[in-house]
């Protein structure tokens, strides 16, 4: 075998090993101390709150800007006047929550559930809403929403939207 062939074969073997080794690493877990701190009522911008349970909590006027809230449970939470600008809100469950005046500006909300959520005065400017379920959501006074954002989301006949906007029906 030529030396160049051996080098190429070695490089392929090394890349395969590295790929297998990296795929075996666990996903970045939540920071338990940050979750406890936040559940206690503290702001926590840029924190790792992955899969945190905020259900049924009242956390008004908090700062979670840029936080990783992916797969968090916010069902029936009251989080009025809170900022989640630029946060990772993918796969969040916010069933029946109250988010009056909340900033979701620039947040990634892909595949989140906002079923029956109160979103009056919420700011969605630049937020990614792909796959978000807004069935029954009250958001007729939300700001920063565009038709393009809503085209990637879904709702139902009871979803209220700002005048002139529409949302596809969830299938």
N, C-alpha and C. Protein backbone atom coordinates (compact mmCIF):
# COMPACT_ATOMS: atom_id res chain seq x y z
N UNK A 1 0.84 -1.17 0.00
CA UNK A 1 0.00 0.00 0.00
C UNK A 1 0.89 1.24 0.00
N UNK A 2 0.51 2.23 -0.79
CA UNK A 2 1.28 3.47 -0.88
C UNK A 2 1.13 4.27 0.40
N UNK A 3 2.16 5.05 0.76
CA UNK A 3 2.08 5.88 1.96
C UNK A 3 0.89 6.85 1.92
N UNK A 4 0.60 7.41 0.73
CA UNK A 4 -0.52 8.36 0.65
C UNK A 4 -1.85 7.65 0.91
N UNK A 5 -1.97 6.40 0.49
CA UNK A 5 -3.19 5.63 0.74
C UNK A 5 -3.33 5.34 2.23
N UNK A 6 -2.21 5.02 2.89
CA UNK A 6 -2.23 4.77 4.33
C UNK A 6 -2.64 6.02 5.10
N UNK A 7 -2.12 7.17 4.69
CA UNK A 7 -2.46 8.43 5.35
C UNK A 7 -3.95 8.72 5.18
N UNK A 8 -4.46 8.54 3.97
CA UNK A 8 -5.88 8.79 3.70
C UNK A 8 -6.75 7.85 4.52
N UNK A 9 -6.38 6.57 4.57
CA UNK A 9 -7.15 5.59 5.35
C UNK A 9 -7.11 5.94 6.84
N UNK A 10 -5.96 6.37 7.31
CA UNK A 10 -5.83 6.78 8.71
C UNK A 10 -6.68 8.00 9.03
N UNK A 11 -6.71 8.94 8.11
CA UNK A 11 -7.52 10.15 8.32
C UNK A 11 -9.00 9.80 8.37
N UNK A 12 -9.44 8.90 7.49
CA UNK A 12 -10.84 8.48 7.48
C UNK A 12 -11.17 7.77 8.80
N UNK A 13 -10.29 6.90 9.26
CA UNK A 13 -10.51 6.19 10.52
C UNK A 13 -10.59 7.16 11.69
N UNK A 14 -9.70 8.15 11.71
CA UNK A 14 -9.69 9.14 12.78
C UNK A 14 -10.98 9.97 12.77
N UNK A 15 -11.44 10.40 11.60
CA UNK A 15 -12.67 11.17 11.50
C UNK A 15 -13.86 10.33 11.94
N UNK A 16 -13.89 9.07 11.58
CA UNK A 16 -14.99 8.18 11.98
C UNK A 16 -14.99 8.03 13.50
N UNK A 17 -13.83 7.81 14.09
CA UNK A 17 -13.72 7.67 15.55
C UNK A 17 -14.20 8.95 16.24
N UNK A 18 -13.74 10.10 15.75
CA UNK A 18 -14.12 11.38 16.36
C UNK A 18 -15.63 11.60 16.25
N UNK A 19 -16.21 11.25 15.11
CA UNK A 19 -17.64 11.41 14.92
C UNK A 19 -18.43 10.54 15.89
N UNK A 20 -18.02 9.29 16.05
CA UNK A 20 -18.69 8.38 16.98
C UNK A 20 -18.52 8.86 18.42
N UNK A 21 -17.33 9.29 18.77
CA UNK A 21 -17.07 9.75 20.13
C UNK A 21 -17.90 10.99 20.46
N UNK A 22 -17.98 11.94 19.54
CA UNK A 22 -18.74 13.17 19.79
C UNK A 22 -20.24 12.90 19.86
N UNK A 23 -20.73 11.96 19.06
CA UNK A 23 -22.16 11.68 19.08
C UNK A 23 -22.58 10.98 20.37
N UNK A 24 -21.64 10.40 21.09
CA UNK A 24 -21.95 9.73 22.34
C UNK A 24 -22.07 10.71 23.52
N UNK A 25 -21.67 11.95 23.32
CA UNK A 25 -21.77 12.94 24.40
C UNK A 25 -23.22 13.32 24.64
N UNK A 26 -23.62 13.50 25.89
CA UNK A 26 -25.00 13.90 26.16
C UNK A 26 -25.24 15.35 25.73
N UNK A 27 -26.51 15.67 25.45
CA UNK A 27 -26.87 17.04 25.12
C UNK A 27 -26.63 17.91 26.37
N UNK A 28 -26.34 19.17 26.15
CA UNK A 28 -26.08 20.07 27.27
C UNK A 28 -27.31 20.13 28.17
N UNK A 29 -27.17 19.62 29.36
CA UNK A 29 -28.28 19.58 30.32
C UNK A 29 -28.47 20.95 30.95
N UNK A 30 -29.61 21.10 31.59
CA UNK A 30 -29.91 22.35 32.27
C UNK A 30 -28.91 22.59 33.40
N UNK A 31 -28.85 23.83 33.81
CA UNK A 31 -28.05 24.20 34.97
C UNK A 31 -29.02 24.25 36.15
N UNK A 32 -28.99 23.23 37.00
CA UNK A 32 -29.96 23.10 38.09
C UNK A 32 -29.97 24.33 39.01
N UNK A 33 -28.80 24.89 39.29
CA UNK A 33 -28.74 26.07 40.16
C UNK A 33 -29.45 27.25 39.50
N UNK A 34 -29.25 27.42 38.19
CA UNK A 34 -29.91 28.51 37.48
C UNK A 34 -31.42 28.29 37.43
N UNK A 35 -31.85 27.05 37.26
CA UNK A 35 -33.28 26.75 37.25
C UNK A 35 -33.89 27.08 38.62
N UNK A 36 -33.26 26.62 39.69
CA UNK A 36 -33.77 26.90 41.04
C UNK A 36 -33.83 28.41 41.30
N UNK A 37 -32.79 29.10 40.89
CA UNK A 37 -32.71 30.56 41.05
C UNK A 37 -33.88 31.23 40.31
N UNK A 38 -34.15 30.78 39.08
CA UNK A 38 -35.22 31.36 38.26
C UNK A 38 -36.59 31.00 38.82
N UNK A 39 -36.77 29.76 39.21
CA UNK A 39 -38.06 29.34 39.79
C UNK A 39 -38.36 30.11 41.07
N UNK A 40 -37.32 30.55 41.75
CA UNK A 40 -37.49 31.34 42.96
C UNK A 40 -37.84 32.80 42.68
N UNK A 41 -37.86 33.17 41.40
CA UNK A 41 -38.28 34.52 41.04
C UNK A 41 -37.19 35.42 40.51
N UNK A 42 -35.98 34.93 40.36
CA UNK A 42 -34.88 35.77 39.89
C UNK A 42 -34.83 35.82 38.36
N UNK A 43 -34.37 36.92 37.84
CA UNK A 43 -34.07 37.02 36.41
C UNK A 43 -32.85 36.17 36.13
N UNK A 44 -32.73 35.71 34.90
CA UNK A 44 -31.60 34.85 34.58
C UNK A 44 -31.30 34.95 33.07
N UNK A 45 -30.84 36.12 32.61
CA UNK A 45 -30.52 36.25 31.19
C UNK A 45 -29.36 35.33 30.80
N UNK A 46 -29.45 34.77 29.62
CA UNK A 46 -28.42 33.89 29.05
C UNK A 46 -28.18 32.63 29.87
N UNK A 47 -29.13 32.23 30.68
CA UNK A 47 -29.00 31.02 31.50
C UNK A 47 -29.39 29.78 30.70
N UNK A 48 -28.95 28.62 31.19
CA UNK A 48 -29.33 27.34 30.60
C UNK A 48 -30.47 26.76 31.43
N UNK A 49 -31.69 27.00 30.96
CA UNK A 49 -32.89 26.57 31.66
C UNK A 49 -33.61 25.48 30.86
N UNK A 50 -32.84 24.66 30.18
CA UNK A 50 -33.34 23.57 29.35
C UNK A 50 -34.27 22.67 30.17
N UNK A 51 -35.48 22.47 29.66
CA UNK A 51 -36.50 21.61 30.27
C UNK A 51 -36.91 22.05 31.68
N UNK A 52 -36.75 23.32 32.00
CA UNK A 52 -37.15 23.81 33.32
C UNK A 52 -38.66 23.79 33.46
N UNK A 53 -39.13 23.59 34.67
CA UNK A 53 -40.56 23.56 34.96
C UNK A 53 -40.98 24.87 35.62
N UNK A 54 -41.64 25.72 34.81
CA UNK A 54 -42.17 26.99 35.31
C UNK A 54 -43.69 26.94 35.38
N UNK A 55 -44.27 25.75 35.23
CA UNK A 55 -45.72 25.63 35.20
C UNK A 55 -46.34 26.16 36.49
N UNK A 56 -47.45 26.87 36.32
CA UNK A 56 -48.24 27.40 37.43
C UNK A 56 -47.50 28.42 38.31
N UNK A 57 -46.39 28.97 37.82
CA UNK A 57 -45.66 29.97 38.60
C UNK A 57 -46.03 31.38 38.14
N UNK A 58 -45.91 32.34 39.02
CA UNK A 58 -46.09 33.74 38.68
C UNK A 58 -44.72 34.40 38.75
N UNK A 59 -44.18 34.72 37.58
CA UNK A 59 -42.84 35.32 37.47
C UNK A 59 -42.94 36.55 36.58
N UNK A 60 -43.41 37.63 37.12
CA UNK A 60 -43.63 38.86 36.36
C UNK A 60 -42.36 39.71 36.31
N UNK A 61 -42.21 40.44 35.20
CA UNK A 61 -41.13 41.41 35.01
C UNK A 61 -39.74 40.81 35.23
N UNK A 62 -39.50 39.68 34.62
CA UNK A 62 -38.20 39.00 34.73
C UNK A 62 -37.44 39.15 33.42
N UNK A 63 -36.16 38.87 33.45
CA UNK A 63 -35.30 38.95 32.27
C UNK A 63 -34.71 37.58 31.98
N UNK A 64 -35.18 36.98 30.88
CA UNK A 64 -34.64 35.71 30.40
C UNK A 64 -34.11 35.90 28.97
N UNK A 65 -33.67 37.10 28.66
CA UNK A 65 -33.15 37.39 27.32
C UNK A 65 -31.98 36.47 27.00
N UNK A 66 -32.03 35.86 25.84
CA UNK A 66 -30.95 34.99 25.39
C UNK A 66 -30.84 33.68 26.14
N UNK A 67 -31.78 33.37 27.01
CA UNK A 67 -31.71 32.13 27.79
C UNK A 67 -32.09 30.93 26.94
N UNK A 68 -31.59 29.79 27.34
CA UNK A 68 -31.95 28.52 26.69
C UNK A 68 -33.10 27.92 27.49
N UNK A 69 -34.32 28.13 26.99
CA UNK A 69 -35.53 27.64 27.63
C UNK A 69 -36.15 26.49 26.84
N UNK A 70 -35.38 25.89 25.99
CA UNK A 70 -35.89 24.83 25.11
C UNK A 70 -36.56 23.73 25.94
N UNK A 71 -37.73 23.32 25.49
CA UNK A 71 -38.54 22.27 26.10
C UNK A 71 -38.98 22.59 27.53
N UNK A 72 -38.97 23.87 27.89
CA UNK A 72 -39.44 24.26 29.22
C UNK A 72 -40.96 24.12 29.29
N UNK A 73 -41.47 23.89 30.48
CA UNK A 73 -42.91 23.82 30.71
C UNK A 73 -43.33 25.12 31.37
N UNK A 74 -44.08 25.92 30.63
CA UNK A 74 -44.58 27.20 31.15
C UNK A 74 -46.11 27.18 31.21
N UNK A 75 -46.70 25.99 31.20
CA UNK A 75 -48.15 25.90 31.17
C UNK A 75 -48.75 26.57 32.41
N UNK A 76 -49.78 27.37 32.17
CA UNK A 76 -50.52 28.10 33.19
C UNK A 76 -49.64 29.06 34.01
N UNK A 77 -48.48 29.42 33.49
CA UNK A 77 -47.61 30.39 34.17
C UNK A 77 -48.09 31.81 33.86
N UNK A 78 -47.77 32.73 34.73
CA UNK A 78 -48.04 34.15 34.51
C UNK A 78 -46.68 34.83 34.48
N UNK A 79 -46.32 35.35 33.30
CA UNK A 79 -44.99 35.94 33.13
C UNK A 79 -45.10 37.31 32.46
N UNK A 80 -46.04 38.12 32.90
CA UNK A 80 -46.26 39.44 32.31
C UNK A 80 -45.01 40.31 32.36
N UNK A 81 -44.85 41.11 31.30
CA UNK A 81 -43.77 42.10 31.20
C UNK A 81 -42.38 41.50 31.37
N UNK A 82 -42.21 40.29 30.92
CA UNK A 82 -40.94 39.59 30.98
C UNK A 82 -40.27 39.67 29.61
N UNK A 83 -38.96 39.69 29.57
CA UNK A 83 -38.27 39.64 28.28
C UNK A 83 -37.66 38.26 28.07
N UNK A 84 -37.98 37.72 26.91
CA UNK A 84 -37.38 36.48 26.44
C UNK A 84 -36.78 36.73 25.06
N UNK A 85 -36.39 37.97 24.84
CA UNK A 85 -35.83 38.37 23.56
C UNK A 85 -34.59 37.53 23.25
N UNK A 86 -34.54 37.00 22.06
CA UNK A 86 -33.39 36.21 21.62
C UNK A 86 -33.26 34.87 22.31
N UNK A 87 -34.26 34.44 23.05
CA UNK A 87 -34.19 33.17 23.79
C UNK A 87 -34.46 31.98 22.87
N UNK A 88 -33.98 30.82 23.29
CA UNK A 88 -34.27 29.55 22.62
C UNK A 88 -35.52 28.98 23.28
N UNK A 89 -36.65 29.14 22.62
CA UNK A 89 -37.93 28.68 23.14
C UNK A 89 -38.48 27.51 22.30
N UNK A 90 -37.60 26.80 21.64
CA UNK A 90 -38.06 25.67 20.83
C UNK A 90 -38.72 24.62 21.71
N UNK A 91 -39.84 24.11 21.21
CA UNK A 91 -40.56 23.01 21.86
C UNK A 91 -41.09 23.35 23.26
N UNK A 92 -41.26 24.62 23.56
CA UNK A 92 -41.81 25.04 24.86
C UNK A 92 -43.30 24.69 24.92
N UNK A 93 -43.77 24.32 26.10
CA UNK A 93 -45.20 24.12 26.34
C UNK A 93 -45.69 25.27 27.20
N UNK A 94 -46.48 26.14 26.59
CA UNK A 94 -47.01 27.30 27.32
C UNK A 94 -48.54 27.29 27.31
N UNK A 95 -49.11 26.11 27.43
CA UNK A 95 -50.56 25.94 27.41
C UNK A 95 -51.21 26.79 28.51
N UNK A 96 -52.13 27.66 28.10
CA UNK A 96 -52.90 28.45 29.05
C UNK A 96 -52.12 29.48 29.84
N UNK A 97 -50.92 29.83 29.40
CA UNK A 97 -50.10 30.80 30.12
C UNK A 97 -50.55 32.23 29.82
N UNK A 98 -50.09 33.16 30.63
CA UNK A 98 -50.39 34.59 30.45
C UNK A 98 -49.07 35.31 30.23
N UNK A 99 -48.93 35.91 29.04
CA UNK A 99 -47.71 36.60 28.65
C UNK A 99 -48.03 38.03 28.19
N UNK A 100 -48.71 38.80 28.98
CA UNK A 100 -49.05 40.17 28.62
C UNK A 100 -47.77 41.01 28.56
N UNK A 101 -47.55 41.68 27.43
CA UNK A 101 -46.41 42.58 27.30
C UNK A 101 -45.06 41.90 27.28
N UNK A 102 -45.01 40.61 27.01
CA UNK A 102 -43.73 39.89 26.98
C UNK A 102 -43.01 40.14 25.67
N UNK A 103 -41.70 40.26 25.72
CA UNK A 103 -40.90 40.42 24.50
C UNK A 103 -40.33 39.06 24.08
N UNK A 104 -40.79 38.60 22.92
CA UNK A 104 -40.24 37.41 22.27
C UNK A 104 -39.40 37.85 21.06
N UNK A 105 -39.02 39.10 21.00
CA UNK A 105 -38.30 39.64 19.84
C UNK A 105 -37.04 38.81 19.56
N UNK A 106 -36.93 38.32 18.34
CA UNK A 106 -35.76 37.56 17.93
C UNK A 106 -35.65 36.17 18.53
N UNK A 107 -36.66 35.72 19.26
CA UNK A 107 -36.62 34.39 19.89
C UNK A 107 -36.88 33.31 18.86
N UNK A 108 -36.33 32.13 19.09
CA UNK A 108 -36.62 30.96 18.27
C UNK A 108 -37.67 30.15 19.00
N UNK A 109 -38.91 30.18 18.49
CA UNK A 109 -40.04 29.53 19.14
C UNK A 109 -40.49 28.29 18.36
N UNK A 110 -39.64 27.76 17.52
CA UNK A 110 -39.99 26.63 16.65
C UNK A 110 -40.66 25.50 17.44
N UNK A 111 -41.79 25.05 16.90
CA UNK A 111 -42.56 23.91 17.43
C UNK A 111 -43.06 24.07 18.86
N UNK A 112 -43.18 25.30 19.32
CA UNK A 112 -43.71 25.54 20.67
C UNK A 112 -45.23 25.43 20.66
N UNK A 113 -45.81 25.20 21.82
CA UNK A 113 -47.26 25.14 21.97
C UNK A 113 -47.72 26.31 22.84
N UNK A 114 -48.47 27.21 22.21
CA UNK A 114 -49.05 28.35 22.90
C UNK A 114 -50.57 28.25 22.85
N UNK A 115 -51.08 27.04 23.01
CA UNK A 115 -52.52 26.77 22.95
C UNK A 115 -53.19 27.45 24.14
N UNK A 116 -54.22 28.25 23.83
CA UNK A 116 -54.98 28.92 24.88
C UNK A 116 -54.20 29.96 25.66
N UNK A 117 -53.14 30.48 25.08
CA UNK A 117 -52.27 31.42 25.78
C UNK A 117 -52.71 32.86 25.54
N UNK A 118 -52.59 33.69 26.55
CA UNK A 118 -52.93 35.10 26.48
C UNK A 118 -51.66 35.87 26.14
N UNK A 119 -51.64 36.50 24.96
CA UNK A 119 -50.43 37.14 24.44
C UNK A 119 -50.67 38.61 24.06
N UNK A 120 -51.57 39.27 24.75
CA UNK A 120 -51.88 40.67 24.43
C UNK A 120 -50.67 41.55 24.71
N UNK A 121 -50.29 42.36 23.73
CA UNK A 121 -49.16 43.27 23.87
C UNK A 121 -47.81 42.59 23.75
N UNK A 122 -47.78 41.29 23.47
CA UNK A 122 -46.50 40.58 23.30
C UNK A 122 -45.81 41.05 22.03
N UNK A 123 -44.49 41.12 22.06
CA UNK A 123 -43.69 41.57 20.92
C UNK A 123 -43.05 40.36 20.25
N UNK A 124 -43.41 40.13 18.99
CA UNK A 124 -42.89 39.01 18.21
C UNK A 124 -41.93 39.46 17.10
N UNK A 125 -41.46 40.67 17.16
CA UNK A 125 -40.61 41.21 16.10
C UNK A 125 -39.38 40.32 15.87
N UNK A 126 -39.28 39.75 14.67
CA UNK A 126 -38.14 38.93 14.29
C UNK A 126 -38.12 37.54 14.90
N UNK A 127 -39.17 37.14 15.60
CA UNK A 127 -39.22 35.80 16.21
C UNK A 127 -39.46 34.74 15.14
N UNK A 128 -38.90 33.56 15.34
CA UNK A 128 -39.15 32.42 14.46
C UNK A 128 -40.33 31.66 15.03
N UNK A 129 -41.41 31.57 14.24
CA UNK A 129 -42.65 30.95 14.70
C UNK A 129 -42.99 29.66 13.94
N UNK A 130 -42.04 29.09 13.27
CA UNK A 130 -42.27 27.89 12.48
C UNK A 130 -42.77 26.75 13.37
N UNK A 131 -43.93 26.21 13.01
CA UNK A 131 -44.49 25.07 13.73
C UNK A 131 -45.16 25.41 15.06
N UNK A 132 -45.28 26.69 15.41
CA UNK A 132 -45.91 27.07 16.68
C UNK A 132 -47.43 26.89 16.57
N UNK A 133 -48.02 26.30 17.60
CA UNK A 133 -49.47 26.12 17.67
C UNK A 133 -50.06 27.21 18.54
N UNK A 134 -50.82 28.11 17.90
CA UNK A 134 -51.48 29.21 18.60
C UNK A 134 -52.99 28.99 18.71
N UNK A 135 -53.45 27.75 18.68
CA UNK A 135 -54.88 27.48 18.78
C UNK A 135 -55.44 28.10 20.06
N UNK A 136 -56.51 28.88 19.90
CA UNK A 136 -57.16 29.50 21.06
C UNK A 136 -56.39 30.63 21.70
N UNK A 137 -55.27 31.02 21.13
CA UNK A 137 -54.46 32.10 21.71
C UNK A 137 -55.12 33.46 21.46
N UNK A 138 -55.00 34.32 22.44
CA UNK A 138 -55.50 35.70 22.31
C UNK A 138 -54.29 36.59 22.07
N UNK A 139 -54.18 37.07 20.84
CA UNK A 139 -53.02 37.87 20.46
C UNK A 139 -53.38 38.99 19.50
N UNK A 140 -54.61 39.50 19.60
CA UNK A 140 -55.04 40.54 18.67
C UNK A 140 -54.34 41.87 18.92
N UNK A 141 -53.73 42.05 20.08
CA UNK A 141 -52.97 43.28 20.34
C UNK A 141 -51.46 43.01 20.42
N UNK A 142 -51.04 41.87 19.89
CA UNK A 142 -49.60 41.57 19.81
C UNK A 142 -48.96 42.51 18.79
N UNK A 143 -47.67 42.75 18.93
CA UNK A 143 -46.96 43.64 18.01
C UNK A 143 -45.81 42.88 17.34
N UNK A 144 -45.39 43.40 16.20
CA UNK A 144 -44.24 42.84 15.51
C UNK A 144 -44.54 41.57 14.73
N UNK A 145 -45.80 41.17 14.66
CA UNK A 145 -46.16 39.98 13.90
C UNK A 145 -46.27 40.30 12.42
N UNK A 146 -45.79 39.39 11.59
CA UNK A 146 -45.94 39.55 10.14
C UNK A 146 -46.69 38.34 9.59
N UNK A 147 -47.28 38.51 8.43
CA UNK A 147 -47.97 37.40 7.79
C UNK A 147 -47.00 36.27 7.50
N UNK A 148 -45.80 36.61 7.13
CA UNK A 148 -44.80 35.59 6.83
C UNK A 148 -44.51 34.71 8.06
N UNK A 149 -44.40 35.33 9.23
CA UNK A 149 -44.19 34.55 10.46
C UNK A 149 -45.37 33.60 10.69
N UNK A 150 -46.58 34.15 10.57
CA UNK A 150 -47.77 33.36 10.86
C UNK A 150 -48.02 32.27 9.84
N UNK A 151 -47.52 32.44 8.62
CA UNK A 151 -47.69 31.40 7.60
C UNK A 151 -47.01 30.10 7.99
N UNK A 152 -46.01 30.17 8.86
CA UNK A 152 -45.31 28.97 9.31
C UNK A 152 -45.86 28.40 10.60
N UNK A 153 -46.83 29.09 11.20
CA UNK A 153 -47.44 28.65 12.45
C UNK A 153 -48.85 28.13 12.15
N UNK A 154 -49.60 27.79 13.19
CA UNK A 154 -51.00 27.40 12.97
C UNK A 154 -51.84 27.80 14.17
N UNK A 155 -53.15 27.84 13.95
CA UNK A 155 -54.10 28.18 15.00
C UNK A 155 -55.44 27.54 14.69
N UNK A 156 -56.49 28.12 15.25
CA UNK A 156 -57.84 27.62 14.96
C UNK A 156 -58.80 28.80 14.88
N UNK A 157 -60.09 28.51 14.79
CA UNK A 157 -61.09 29.56 14.63
C UNK A 157 -61.16 30.48 15.84
N UNK A 158 -60.67 30.06 16.98
CA UNK A 158 -60.73 30.90 18.18
C UNK A 158 -59.46 31.72 18.41
N UNK A 159 -58.45 31.53 17.57
CA UNK A 159 -57.21 32.33 17.67
C UNK A 159 -57.54 33.76 17.26
N UNK A 160 -57.20 34.73 18.10
CA UNK A 160 -57.42 36.13 17.73
C UNK A 160 -56.09 36.76 17.35
N UNK A 161 -56.10 37.48 16.23
CA UNK A 161 -54.89 38.07 15.66
C UNK A 161 -55.07 39.55 15.41
N UNK A 162 -53.97 40.29 15.27
CA UNK A 162 -54.08 41.69 14.86
C UNK A 162 -54.79 41.79 13.52
N UNK A 163 -55.50 42.87 13.35
CA UNK A 163 -56.27 43.12 12.13
C UNK A 163 -55.41 42.93 10.88
N UNK A 164 -55.98 42.23 9.90
CA UNK A 164 -55.32 42.04 8.61
C UNK A 164 -54.43 40.81 8.55
N UNK A 165 -54.20 40.14 9.66
CA UNK A 165 -53.36 38.93 9.66
C UNK A 165 -54.24 37.69 9.76
N UNK A 166 -53.74 36.60 9.24
CA UNK A 166 -54.46 35.33 9.32
C UNK A 166 -53.45 34.22 9.64
N UNK A 167 -53.95 33.09 10.09
CA UNK A 167 -53.08 31.99 10.46
C UNK A 167 -53.65 30.69 9.89
N UNK A 168 -52.82 29.83 9.35
CA UNK A 168 -53.32 28.54 8.85
C UNK A 168 -53.91 27.71 10.00
N UNK A 169 -54.89 26.89 9.66
CA UNK A 169 -55.49 26.00 10.64
C UNK A 169 -54.57 24.81 10.90
N UNK A 170 -54.44 24.47 12.19
CA UNK A 170 -53.63 23.30 12.56
C UNK A 170 -54.27 22.04 12.00
N UNK A 171 -53.42 21.15 11.52
CA UNK A 171 -53.95 19.92 10.91
C UNK A 171 -53.76 18.71 11.74
